[in-house]
Amino acid sequence: MGPAFELNSYMPVIILMGLAAMIVILGHFVSVFLSPKKIDKYNKKDHAYECGEEPVATAWAAFSIRFYVVGLIFIIFDVESVLIFPVAAVFREFNQAGMGAIVLFEILFFVFILVAGIAYCWRKGDLDWIKSFQSIPKRKNNSIQLNGEQE
């Protein structure tokens, strides 16, 4: 009963792999048969793909750097706040072991650091979509000039 028994134990895995391969192949052939056939008379292979829409402008558009800054700040604080959940899941065990106050203090300190980081970004103006610039007084001939007026 050596090799036949081992093959029988792997049979469900082999069947699932075969089913997965058949689903992939069947899906490919169904998409080939059902997809619309268009003749490319304007060589559209070199055009940028915009979700099936015809491109109306160049693909090189200027994006505001604010989008990336806010996105990075969101990712940083989102990932850091997710780190609290595993500790909260085992907090009861820590509490029963007599370490509940220490873990609670560590979590509150961690949240304080996150809130301080968000407050710093907010105070700096990194969370604003449109950054406001205040007019900075310029010195000219030992006098302060504001918006073209001399005092």
Protein backbone atom coordinates (compact mmCIF):
# COMPACT_ATOMS: atom_id res chain seq x y z
CA MET A 1 0.00 0.00 0.00
CA GLY A 2 2.96 2.36 -0.36
CA PRO A 3 2.82 4.52 -3.54
CA ALA A 4 -0.92 4.13 -4.25
CA PHE A 5 -1.82 5.30 -0.77
CA GLU A 6 0.35 8.42 -1.08
CA LEU A 7 -1.22 9.27 -4.46
CA ASN A 8 -4.72 8.95 -2.99
CA SER A 9 -3.86 11.44 -0.26
CA TYR A 10 -2.82 14.04 -2.85
CA MET A 11 -5.77 13.40 -5.20
CA PRO A 12 -7.94 16.32 -3.91
CA VAL A 13 -5.05 18.71 -4.50
CA ILE A 14 -4.46 17.35 -8.01
CA ILE A 15 -8.18 17.62 -8.82
CA LEU A 16 -8.32 21.24 -7.59
CA MET A 17 -5.23 22.15 -9.62
CA GLY A 18 -6.81 20.59 -12.71
CA LEU A 19 -10.07 22.47 -12.12
CA ALA A 20 -8.16 25.74 -11.65
CA ALA A 21 -6.26 25.20 -14.91
CA MET A 22 -9.50 24.38 -16.77
CA ILE A 23 -11.19 27.53 -15.41
CA VAL A 24 -8.29 29.69 -16.60
CA ILE A 25 -8.21 28.09 -20.06
CA LEU A 26 -11.99 28.19 -20.40
CA GLY A 27 -12.08 31.85 -19.33
CA HIS A 28 -9.43 32.73 -21.90
CA PHE A 29 -11.27 31.03 -24.78
CA VAL A 30 -14.62 32.52 -23.75
CA SER A 31 -13.08 36.00 -23.75
CA VAL A 32 -11.51 35.39 -27.17
CA PHE A 33 -14.83 34.27 -28.66
CA LEU A 34 -17.03 36.91 -27.00
CA SER A 35 -14.77 39.96 -27.29
CA PRO A 36 -15.57 42.46 -30.03
CA LYS A 37 -13.34 42.34 -33.08
CA LYS A 38 -12.28 45.76 -34.36
CA ILE A 39 -10.07 46.57 -37.28
CA ASP A 40 -7.31 48.95 -36.24
CA LYS A 41 -7.08 51.22 -39.28
CA TYR A 42 -5.45 54.14 -37.41
CA ASN A 43 -2.75 52.12 -35.60
CA LYS A 44 -4.25 52.68 -32.17
CA LYS A 45 -1.74 50.36 -30.53
CA ASP A 46 0.49 53.36 -29.88
CA HIS A 47 -2.25 55.38 -28.14
CA ALA A 48 -2.60 55.61 -24.39
CA TYR A 49 -5.39 53.45 -22.99
CA GLU A 50 -7.89 55.43 -20.91
CA CYS A 51 -10.52 52.91 -19.82
CA GLY A 52 -11.89 52.40 -23.30
CA GLU A 53 -12.27 56.12 -23.98
CA GLU A 54 -10.56 57.86 -26.82
CA PRO A 55 -7.62 59.94 -25.58
CA VAL A 56 -8.40 63.65 -25.81
CA ALA A 57 -5.07 65.07 -24.72
CA THR A 58 -1.52 64.08 -24.04
CA ALA A 59 -0.81 61.58 -21.31
CA TRP A 60 1.73 63.96 -19.77
CA ALA A 61 -0.50 66.02 -17.50
CA ALA A 62 0.82 68.05 -14.60
CA PHE A 63 -0.36 66.73 -11.23
CA SER A 64 -0.13 68.76 -8.09
CA ILE A 65 2.50 67.47 -5.69
CA ARG A 66 -0.08 67.94 -2.92
CA PHE A 67 -1.82 64.76 -4.09
CA TYR A 68 1.28 62.67 -3.46
CA VAL A 69 2.08 64.33 -0.12
CA VAL A 70 -1.42 63.76 1.26
CA GLY A 71 -1.39 60.20 -0.12
CA LEU A 72 1.92 59.40 1.55
CA ILE A 73 0.80 60.90 4.85
CA PHE A 74 -2.39 58.83 4.68
CA ILE A 75 -0.48 55.63 3.98
CA ILE A 76 2.01 56.26 6.78
CA PHE A 77 -0.64 56.91 9.43
CA ASP A 78 -3.00 54.24 8.13
CA VAL A 79 -0.36 51.53 8.31
CA GLU A 80 0.79 52.70 11.72
CA SER A 81 -2.74 52.72 13.13
CA VAL A 82 -3.31 49.17 11.83
CA LEU A 83 -0.47 48.05 14.10
CA ILE A 84 -2.72 48.71 17.11
CA PHE A 85 -5.20 45.95 16.20
CA PRO A 86 -2.99 42.90 16.98
CA VAL A 87 -2.20 44.34 20.42
CA ALA A 88 -5.88 45.04 21.05
CA ALA A 89 -6.70 41.45 20.06
CA VAL A 90 -4.44 40.02 22.78
CA PHE A 91 -4.98 42.76 25.36
CA ARG A 92 -7.19 40.49 27.49
CA GLU A 93 -4.36 37.96 27.85
CA PHE A 94 -1.95 40.75 28.83
CA ASN A 95 -4.47 42.06 31.34
CA GLN A 96 -4.92 38.62 32.90
CA ALA A 97 -1.13 38.28 33.17
CA GLY A 98 -0.99 41.56 35.10
CA MET A 99 0.57 43.59 32.27
CA GLY A 100 -2.60 45.41 31.20
CA ALA A 101 -1.53 48.82 32.50
CA ILE A 102 1.85 48.63 30.76
CA VAL A 103 0.31 47.64 27.43
CA LEU A 104 -2.37 50.33 27.77
CA PHE A 105 0.32 52.95 28.44
CA GLU A 106 2.32 51.78 25.41
CA ILE A 107 -0.75 51.94 23.15
CA LEU A 108 -1.67 55.40 24.44
CA PHE A 109 1.92 56.57 23.91
CA PHE A 110 1.81 55.16 20.36
CA VAL A 111 -1.48 56.98 19.68
CA PHE A 112 0.03 60.17 21.16
CA ILE A 113 2.93 59.93 18.70
CA LEU A 114 0.48 59.44 15.81
CA VAL A 115 -1.65 62.41 16.92
CA ALA A 116 1.49 64.53 17.32
CA GLY A 117 2.57 63.57 13.79
CA ILE A 118 -0.84 64.45 12.33
CA ALA A 119 -0.86 67.74 14.26
CA TYR A 120 2.62 68.54 12.92
CA CYS A 121 1.52 67.82 9.34
CA TRP A 122 -1.66 69.83 9.83
CA ARG A 123 0.20 72.79 11.38
CA LYS A 124 2.72 72.72 8.57
CA GLY A 125 -0.12 72.81 6.03
CA ASP A 126 0.68 69.48 4.41
CA LEU A 127 -2.93 68.31 4.64
CA ASP A 128 -4.34 71.26 2.68
CA TRP A 129 -5.17 70.60 -0.96
CA ILE A 130 -4.47 74.20 -1.87
CA LYS A 131 -1.58 75.62 0.08
CA SER A 132 -2.13 79.25 0.97
CA PHE A 133 0.80 81.58 0.65
CA GLN A 134 0.96 84.76 2.66
CA SER A 135 2.62 87.80 1.20
CA ILE A 136 6.08 88.09 2.65
CA PRO A 137 7.30 91.65 3.16
CA LYS A 138 10.27 92.51 0.98
CA ARG A 139 12.97 94.90 2.13
CA LYS A 140 14.05 97.46 -0.38
CA ASN A 141 16.27 100.38 0.52
CA ASN A 142 15.81 99.78 4.27
CA SER A 143 12.03 100.09 3.99
CA ILE A 144 9.34 97.45 3.99
CA GLN A 145 7.42 97.13 0.75
CA LEU A 146 4.02 95.40 0.75
CA ASN A 147 2.34 94.73 -2.60
CA GLY A 148 4.09 97.55 -4.39
CA GLU A 149 3.43 100.19 -1.70
CA GLN A 150 6.30 101.74 0.14
CA GLU A 151 6.03 102.70 3.80
